[in-house]
Amino acid sequence: MHQKVIISSSQFAILVLLNTIGTTILIVPAGLASEAKQDAWIPAILGVGLGLVVISLYNSLGGMFPQMTLVEYCEKILGKWMGITVSIGFIFFSFIGATTLIWLIGNFLVTQIMPESPVITIHAFFVLIVIMGVRLGLEPIARSAEIFLPWVGIFFLLLVLLPISDSNLENIQPMFDSEVKPILRGALSFLSVATLPLIIFHMIVPNGQRSKDTNKAFYLGSLIGGVVLISITLLTLLVLGPGLTARNLYPSFALAKKVGIKGVVERIEVIMAILWFITIYYKTSIYCYASIKGLAQLLSLKDYRILSLPFGMILLAVSLIVYPDVVYEAEWDVKTWIPFTATFGIILPAFLYLVAVIKKRKKAKN
């Protein structure tokens, strides 16, 4: 059963912005620097440009079914059984995305801030607050995002302005020295983390119907999030250098630890951690909302909330085993995550759009 969700276009843009930043702000500079070294900022810019093209595809597809979620129009386009199969795949994609984010939260806190804390306690606490948000509904999540947005902006400005004095232009020289292949691999890696997961927003229908304002909000949220990520990538290169950026698991956190004003502003890494916690919370919540809402629609349930508690228990269990260790996680991100997210972030919407256009033309001829 489809329940009307009342969130404004501006709230939709804020959620897109926070999801674009999400995990990306903490980990993406390392991947880009390992590929393009001192030119890591180039694939970031290219990734943002390609991301806007992908958003254009999402808007075109959503505009054909303005009152439906992805699970609903999959069945309409592909037929009942094939549509259900594709929808199950999408729900699995959203679920895996949520488990990996929770694992990252636990790994970050245990390795960087609270080394003696049991990781299961961290996972359980984070899953609890995510499921609480999902049970309250998308509207409270969106309203709370509006409240936190100014703080995200303030923390980001502090993170950008304070390291400027420690920047060294020699760290990004010589410019344009990288080959085309590493640039393209870096852009694809950026796209797989920052933009392609935004397909989950097709489980959200703002104000009960997509409109031109929704399309603009999608573009705006993605673009502003992209600018934030380009800025962080460039700063980590300027302050840490390409070598240290590539070797560090969380380079932007290392950047925050390196800067400050002695006797005035110190321990800036806390700001980076808070910024990341806020953005990753909303990204995880939207992943969970998309999974639970999609499953409820497949089962024709009137209220998706009855699935939230069992979903949370499964989520907690899988988040503890989704990555055996950091080495496996790094290999997964390169070899598995990119084709996995490309399947649901590019191939699936492009295929659905193509089939829908063909059906529409045939119907018009008849």
Protein backbone atom coordinates (compact mmCIF):
# COMPACT_ATOMS: atom_id res chain seq x y z
CA MET A 1 0.00 0.00 0.00
CA HIS A 2 1.31 3.46 -0.90
CA GLN A 3 1.27 6.00 1.89
CA LYS A 4 1.61 9.65 1.01
CA VAL A 5 4.81 11.17 2.35
CA ILE A 6 4.67 14.88 3.03
CA ILE A 7 8.12 16.43 2.75
CA SER A 8 8.94 19.62 0.88
CA SER A 9 11.31 19.98 -2.05
CA SER A 10 13.78 21.83 0.18
CA GLN A 11 13.75 18.96 2.67
CA PHE A 12 14.27 16.55 -0.21
CA ALA A 13 17.31 18.59 -1.33
CA ILE A 14 18.74 18.56 2.22
CA LEU A 15 18.40 14.77 2.46
CA VAL A 16 20.08 14.37 -0.94
CA LEU A 17 22.90 16.70 0.21
CA LEU A 18 23.49 14.79 3.45
CA ASN A 19 23.40 11.46 1.63
CA THR A 20 25.87 12.68 -1.00
CA ILE A 21 28.32 13.67 1.73
CA GLY A 22 27.62 10.65 3.98
CA THR A 23 30.57 8.25 4.14
CA THR A 24 32.16 9.93 1.15
CA ILE A 25 33.61 12.86 3.08
CA LEU A 26 35.68 10.54 5.27
CA ILE A 27 36.96 7.90 2.86
CA VAL A 28 36.80 9.14 -0.74
CA PRO A 29 39.99 11.31 -0.71
CA ALA A 30 42.10 8.20 -0.02
CA GLY A 31 40.67 6.30 -3.00
CA LEU A 32 41.07 9.27 -5.33
CA ALA A 33 44.65 9.95 -4.20
CA SER A 34 45.63 6.30 -4.66
CA GLU A 35 44.43 6.50 -8.27
CA ALA A 36 45.32 10.04 -9.42
CA LYS A 37 47.83 11.10 -6.72
CA GLN A 38 48.27 14.91 -6.73
CA ASP A 39 45.54 15.21 -9.39
CA ALA A 40 42.93 13.56 -7.15
CA TRP A 41 40.80 16.69 -7.28
CA ILE A 42 40.30 16.18 -11.04
CA PRO A 43 38.35 12.88 -10.81
CA ALA A 44 36.33 14.48 -8.00
CA ILE A 45 35.23 17.28 -10.34
CA LEU A 46 34.63 14.80 -13.16
CA GLY A 47 32.64 12.59 -10.80
CA VAL A 48 30.38 15.49 -9.83
CA GLY A 49 29.77 16.29 -13.51
CA LEU A 50 28.94 12.68 -14.35
CA GLY A 51 26.78 12.55 -11.23
CA LEU A 52 24.58 15.35 -12.56
CA VAL A 53 24.08 13.32 -15.76
CA VAL A 54 23.01 10.35 -13.63
CA ILE A 55 20.62 12.59 -11.67
CA SER A 56 19.13 13.67 -15.01
CA LEU A 57 18.38 10.01 -15.73
CA TYR A 58 16.80 9.60 -12.29
CA ASN A 59 14.62 12.67 -12.81
CA SER A 60 13.51 11.48 -16.26
CA LEU A 61 12.56 8.06 -14.91
CA GLY A 62 10.80 9.45 -11.85
CA GLY A 63 8.91 11.97 -14.01
CA MET A 64 7.30 9.13 -15.95
CA PHE A 65 5.78 7.73 -12.73
CA PRO A 66 5.42 10.80 -10.49
CA GLN A 67 3.21 9.14 -7.86
CA MET A 68 5.02 5.82 -7.60
CA THR A 69 8.08 4.49 -5.80
CA LEU A 70 10.71 2.39 -7.57
CA VAL A 71 9.22 -0.87 -6.29
CA GLU A 72 5.79 0.13 -7.61
CA TYR A 73 6.83 1.18 -11.08
CA CYS A 74 9.18 -1.81 -11.50
CA GLU A 75 6.11 -4.04 -11.47
CA LYS A 76 4.24 -1.68 -13.79
CA ILE A 77 7.10 -1.58 -16.33
CA LEU A 78 8.38 -5.16 -16.18
CA GLY A 79 5.30 -7.09 -15.17
CA LYS A 80 4.50 -8.74 -11.87
CA TRP A 81 7.13 -11.47 -11.49
CA MET A 82 10.07 -9.78 -13.16
CA GLY A 83 9.21 -6.56 -11.35
CA ILE A 84 9.17 -8.39 -8.00
CA THR A 85 12.54 -10.00 -8.79
CA VAL A 86 14.14 -6.66 -9.62
CA SER A 87 12.58 -5.06 -6.54
CA ILE A 88 14.02 -7.79 -4.30
CA GLY A 89 17.44 -7.07 -5.79
CA PHE A 90 17.01 -3.36 -5.07
CA ILE A 91 15.92 -4.04 -1.47
CA PHE A 92 19.00 -6.24 -1.02
CA PHE A 93 21.18 -3.42 -2.41
CA SER A 94 19.72 -0.95 0.09
CA PHE A 95 20.12 -3.43 2.94
CA ILE A 96 23.78 -4.13 2.13
CA GLY A 97 24.41 -0.39 1.85
CA ALA A 98 23.03 0.10 5.38
CA THR A 99 25.10 -2.75 6.87
CA THR A 100 28.35 -1.43 5.37
CA LEU A 101 27.70 2.04 6.80
CA ILE A 102 27.13 0.63 10.29
CA TRP A 103 30.33 -1.41 9.98
CA LEU A 104 32.22 1.77 9.02
CA ILE A 105 30.84 3.59 12.06
CA GLY A 106 31.99 0.80 14.35
CA ASN A 107 35.41 0.48 12.73
CA PHE A 108 36.00 4.24 12.83
CA LEU A 109 35.09 4.61 16.49
CA VAL A 110 37.07 1.55 17.59
CA THR A 111 40.21 2.44 15.65
CA GLN A 112 40.19 6.23 16.04
CA ILE A 113 38.30 7.32 19.16
CA MET A 114 37.21 4.49 21.50
CA PRO A 115 39.63 1.58 21.04
CA GLU A 116 38.50 -0.29 24.17
CA SER A 117 34.78 -0.21 23.39
CA PRO A 118 33.11 -3.44 22.20
CA VAL A 119 32.17 -2.98 18.56
CA ILE A 120 28.83 -4.76 19.04
CA THR A 121 27.79 -2.08 21.54
CA ILE A 122 28.53 0.66 19.02
CA HIS A 123 26.64 -1.17 16.27
CA ALA A 124 23.67 -1.86 18.51
CA PHE A 125 23.41 1.76 19.66
CA PHE A 126 23.61 3.11 16.11
CA VAL A 127 21.10 0.58 14.75
CA LEU A 128 18.74 1.51 17.59
CA ILE A 129 18.70 5.23 16.80
CA VAL A 130 18.39 4.55 13.06
CA ILE A 131 15.41 2.24 13.53
CA MET A 132 13.83 4.74 15.94
CA GLY A 133 14.05 7.38 13.20
CA VAL A 134 12.62 5.06 10.56
CA ARG A 135 9.72 4.10 12.82
CA LEU A 136 8.89 7.77 13.41
CA GLY A 137 8.66 8.21 9.65
CA LEU A 138 10.31 10.13 6.85
CA GLU A 139 8.72 13.45 7.78
CA PRO A 140 10.42 13.69 11.23
CA ILE A 141 13.70 12.57 9.65
CA ALA A 142 13.43 15.36 7.07
CA ARG A 143 12.50 17.99 9.67
CA SER A 144 15.41 17.02 11.91
CA ALA A 145 17.71 17.23 8.87
CA GLU A 146 16.65 20.86 8.46
CA ILE A 147 17.64 21.51 12.09
CA PHE A 148 21.05 19.90 11.71
CA LEU A 149 21.90 21.43 8.33
CA PRO A 150 23.18 24.78 9.75
CA TRP A 151 25.47 22.88 12.12
CA VAL A 152 26.78 20.80 9.23
CA GLY A 153 27.48 24.04 7.36
CA ILE A 154 29.27 25.62 10.34
CA PHE A 155 31.41 22.53 10.99
CA PHE A 156 32.30 22.29 7.31
CA LEU A 157 33.36 25.95 7.16
CA LEU A 158 35.57 25.47 10.21
CA LEU A 159 37.09 22.38 8.65
CA VAL A 160 37.80 24.27 5.42
CA LEU A 161 39.02 27.60 6.81
CA LEU A 162 41.31 26.42 9.63
CA PRO A 163 43.69 24.29 7.49
CA ILE A 164 44.26 27.00 4.87
CA SER A 165 47.39 28.30 6.61
CA ASP A 166 48.90 24.77 6.54
CA SER A 167 48.24 24.30 2.83
CA ASN A 168 51.13 23.77 0.43
CA LEU A 169 50.56 24.23 -3.29
CA GLU A 170 53.56 22.03 -4.05
CA ASN A 171 51.51 19.05 -2.87
CA ILE A 172 49.30 19.25 -5.98
CA GLN A 173 52.13 19.87 -8.43
CA PRO A 174 52.77 19.03 -11.18
CA MET A 175 49.14 19.45 -12.18
CA PHE A 176 47.47 17.37 -14.90
CA ASP A 177 50.32 14.86 -14.72
CA SER A 178 48.14 11.76 -14.30
CA GLU A 179 47.07 9.54 -17.18
CA VAL A 180 43.49 9.27 -18.39
CA LYS A 181 42.81 5.78 -16.99
CA PRO A 182 43.54 6.61 -13.33
CA ILE A 183 41.42 9.76 -13.66
CA LEU A 184 38.51 7.74 -15.04
CA ARG A 185 38.88 5.01 -12.40
CA GLY A 186 38.90 7.67 -9.70
CA ALA A 187 35.80 9.36 -11.15
CA LEU A 188 33.98 6.01 -11.28
CA SER A 189 34.97 5.30 -7.67
CA PHE A 190 33.69 8.74 -6.64
CA LEU A 191 30.46 8.18 -8.55
CA SER A 192 29.88 4.78 -6.93
CA VAL A 193 30.01 6.25 -3.43
CA ALA A 194 28.56 9.74 -3.84
CA THR A 195 25.91 9.59 -6.58
CA LEU A 196 24.82 6.11 -7.61
CA PRO A 197 23.42 5.22 -4.16
CA LEU A 198 21.01 8.15 -4.58
CA ILE A 199 18.78 5.77 -6.54
CA ILE A 200 17.31 4.95 -3.11
CA PHE A 201 15.55 8.33 -3.27
CA HIS A 202 13.17 6.77 -5.80
CA MET A 203 11.53 5.21 -2.76
CA ILE A 204 10.58 8.73 -1.66
CA VAL A 205 7.77 10.66 -3.34
CA PRO A 206 7.86 14.23 -1.96
CA ASN A 207 4.39 15.68 -1.35
CA GLY A 208 2.90 12.56 -2.90
CA GLN A 209 4.11 13.47 -6.40
CA ARG A 210 7.39 14.31 -8.12
CA SER A 211 7.49 17.72 -9.77
CA LYS A 212 9.90 20.18 -11.40
CA ASP A 213 10.76 21.45 -7.94
CA THR A 214 11.71 17.90 -6.91
CA ASN A 215 13.96 17.60 -9.95
CA LYS A 216 15.67 20.89 -9.11
CA ALA A 217 16.08 19.78 -5.51
CA PHE A 218 17.72 16.54 -6.68
CA TYR A 219 20.21 18.50 -8.82
CA LEU A 220 20.86 21.09 -6.10
CA GLY A 221 21.46 18.62 -3.28
CA SER A 222 23.80 16.53 -5.43
CA LEU A 223 25.72 19.57 -6.70
CA ILE A 224 26.26 21.17 -3.28
CA GLY A 225 27.30 17.80 -1.84
CA GLY A 226 29.73 17.39 -4.73
CA VAL A 227 31.29 20.81 -4.07
CA VAL A 228 31.78 19.84 -0.40
CA LEU A 229 33.55 16.63 -1.43
CA ILE A 230 35.77 18.41 -3.97
CA SER A 231 36.76 20.92 -1.29
CA ILE A 232 37.65 18.23 1.25
CA THR A 233 39.63 16.24 -1.34
CA LEU A 234 41.61 19.31 -2.39
CA LEU A 235 42.29 20.29 1.23
CA THR A 236 43.58 16.86 2.20
CA LEU A 237 45.96 16.98 -0.76
CA LEU A 238 47.17 20.50 0.06
CA VAL A 239 47.76 19.79 3.75
CA LEU A 240 48.69 16.10 3.92
CA GLY A 241 50.05 15.56 0.42
CA PRO A 242 48.99 12.82 -2.01
CA GLY A 243 51.12 10.09 -0.42
CA LEU A 244 49.79 10.45 3.11
CA THR A 245 46.25 10.97 1.81
CA ALA A 246 46.38 7.71 -0.15
CA ARG A 247 47.89 5.71 2.75
CA ASN A 248 45.50 6.95 5.42
CA LEU A 249 42.26 5.04 5.93
CA TYR A 250 40.42 8.21 7.01
CA PRO A 251 42.41 11.11 5.46
CA SER A 252 39.91 13.87 6.22
CA PHE A 253 39.96 12.87 9.90
CA ALA A 254 43.77 12.96 9.80
CA LEU A 255 43.47 16.42 8.23
CA ALA A 256 41.29 17.62 11.11
CA LYS A 257 43.77 16.23 13.67
CA LYS A 258 46.62 18.13 12.02
CA VAL A 259 45.15 21.65 12.17
CA GLY A 260 43.98 24.09 14.82
CA ILE A 261 44.85 27.36 16.51
CA LYS A 262 46.97 26.71 19.60
CA GLY A 263 45.30 28.02 22.71
CA VAL A 264 42.17 29.03 20.80
CA VAL A 265 40.75 26.14 18.76
CA GLU A 266 42.12 22.64 19.15
CA ARG A 267 40.94 19.05 18.73
CA ILE A 268 39.31 19.92 15.41
CA GLU A 269 38.99 16.19 14.66
CA VAL A 270 35.96 16.16 16.95
CA ILE A 271 34.25 18.54 14.51
CA MET A 272 35.05 16.19 11.65
CA ALA A 273 33.68 13.23 13.60
CA ILE A 274 30.43 15.04 14.47
CA LEU A 275 29.99 16.18 10.86
CA TRP A 276 30.45 12.62 9.67
CA PHE A 277 28.14 11.12 12.30
CA ILE A 278 25.32 13.48 11.30
CA THR A 279 25.62 12.80 7.57
CA ILE A 280 26.10 9.05 7.89
CA TYR A 281 23.07 8.81 10.18
CA TYR A 282 20.80 10.25 7.51
CA LYS A 283 22.36 8.13 4.79
CA THR A 284 21.86 4.96 6.84
CA SER A 285 18.29 5.99 7.72
CA ILE A 286 17.35 6.50 4.07
CA TYR A 287 18.90 3.14 3.15
CA CYS A 288 16.85 1.46 5.88
CA TYR A 289 13.70 3.35 4.97
CA ALA A 290 14.06 2.31 1.31
CA SER A 291 14.59 -1.34 2.30
CA ILE A 292 11.71 -1.54 4.78
CA LYS A 293 9.28 0.49 2.66
CA GLY A 294 10.11 -1.55 -0.45
CA LEU A 295 9.60 -4.84 1.38
CA ALA A 296 6.30 -3.60 2.84
CA GLN A 297 5.07 -2.67 -0.64
CA LEU A 298 6.06 -6.08 -2.01
CA LEU A 299 4.10 -7.73 0.81
CA SER A 300 1.17 -5.29 0.40
CA LEU A 301 1.38 -4.20 4.02
CA LYS A 302 -0.53 -1.11 5.11
CA ASP A 303 2.15 0.02 7.54
CA TYR A 304 5.86 -0.57 6.94
CA ARG A 305 6.69 0.06 10.62
CA ILE A 306 5.82 -3.48 11.71
CA LEU A 307 8.90 -4.65 9.79
CA SER A 308 11.29 -2.19 11.42
CA LEU A 309 12.21 -4.15 14.58
CA PRO A 310 12.94 -7.52 12.89
CA PHE A 311 14.75 -5.62 10.14
CA GLY A 312 16.89 -3.87 12.77
CA MET A 313 17.84 -7.17 14.41
CA ILE A 314 18.91 -8.66 11.08
CA LEU A 315 20.73 -5.43 10.24
CA LEU A 316 22.72 -5.59 13.47
CA ALA A 317 23.70 -9.23 12.94
CA VAL A 318 24.83 -8.74 9.33
CA SER A 319 26.69 -5.49 10.09
CA LEU A 320 29.03 -7.46 12.37
CA ILE A 321 30.05 -9.89 9.61
CA VAL A 322 29.64 -7.93 6.36
CA TYR A 323 33.39 -7.16 6.37
CA PRO A 324 35.76 -9.60 8.13
CA ASP A 325 38.50 -6.95 8.32
CA VAL A 326 39.79 -3.70 6.84
CA VAL A 327 41.75 -5.46 4.07
CA TYR A 328 38.61 -7.23 2.88
CA GLU A 329 36.68 -3.94 3.04
CA ALA A 330 39.29 -2.16 0.88
CA GLU A 331 39.20 -4.96 -1.70
CA TRP A 332 35.39 -5.04 -1.66
CA ASP A 333 35.19 -1.29 -2.29
CA VAL A 334 37.36 -1.60 -5.42
CA LYS A 335 36.37 -4.95 -6.92
CA THR A 336 32.77 -5.51 -5.79
CA TRP A 337 31.08 -2.28 -4.68
CA ILE A 338 31.64 -0.37 -7.94
CA PRO A 339 29.99 -2.96 -10.25
CA PHE A 340 27.40 -3.73 -7.56
CA THR A 341 26.26 -0.13 -7.19
CA ALA A 342 26.57 0.50 -10.95
CA THR A 343 24.08 -2.32 -11.54
CA PHE A 344 21.40 -0.65 -9.43
CA GLY A 345 22.50 2.96 -9.89
CA ILE A 346 22.96 3.09 -13.68
CA ILE A 347 22.04 -0.15 -15.45
CA LEU A 348 18.71 -0.69 -13.67
CA PRO A 349 17.29 2.86 -14.08
CA ALA A 350 18.55 3.07 -17.68
CA PHE A 351 16.91 -0.29 -18.47
CA LEU A 352 13.65 0.70 -16.78
CA TYR A 353 13.59 4.03 -18.59
CA LEU A 354 14.26 2.39 -21.97
CA VAL A 355 11.52 -0.23 -21.49
CA ALA A 356 9.06 2.41 -20.27
CA VAL A 357 9.74 4.63 -23.31
CA ILE A 358 9.29 1.69 -25.71
CA LYS A 359 6.01 0.70 -24.05
CA LYS A 360 4.78 4.28 -24.11
CA ARG A 361 5.53 4.61 -27.84
CA LYS A 362 3.81 1.32 -28.62
CA LYS A 363 0.78 2.40 -26.64
CA ALA A 364 0.68 5.73 -28.50
CA LYS A 365 0.81 3.95 -31.89
CA ASN A 366 -2.00 1.58 -30.92
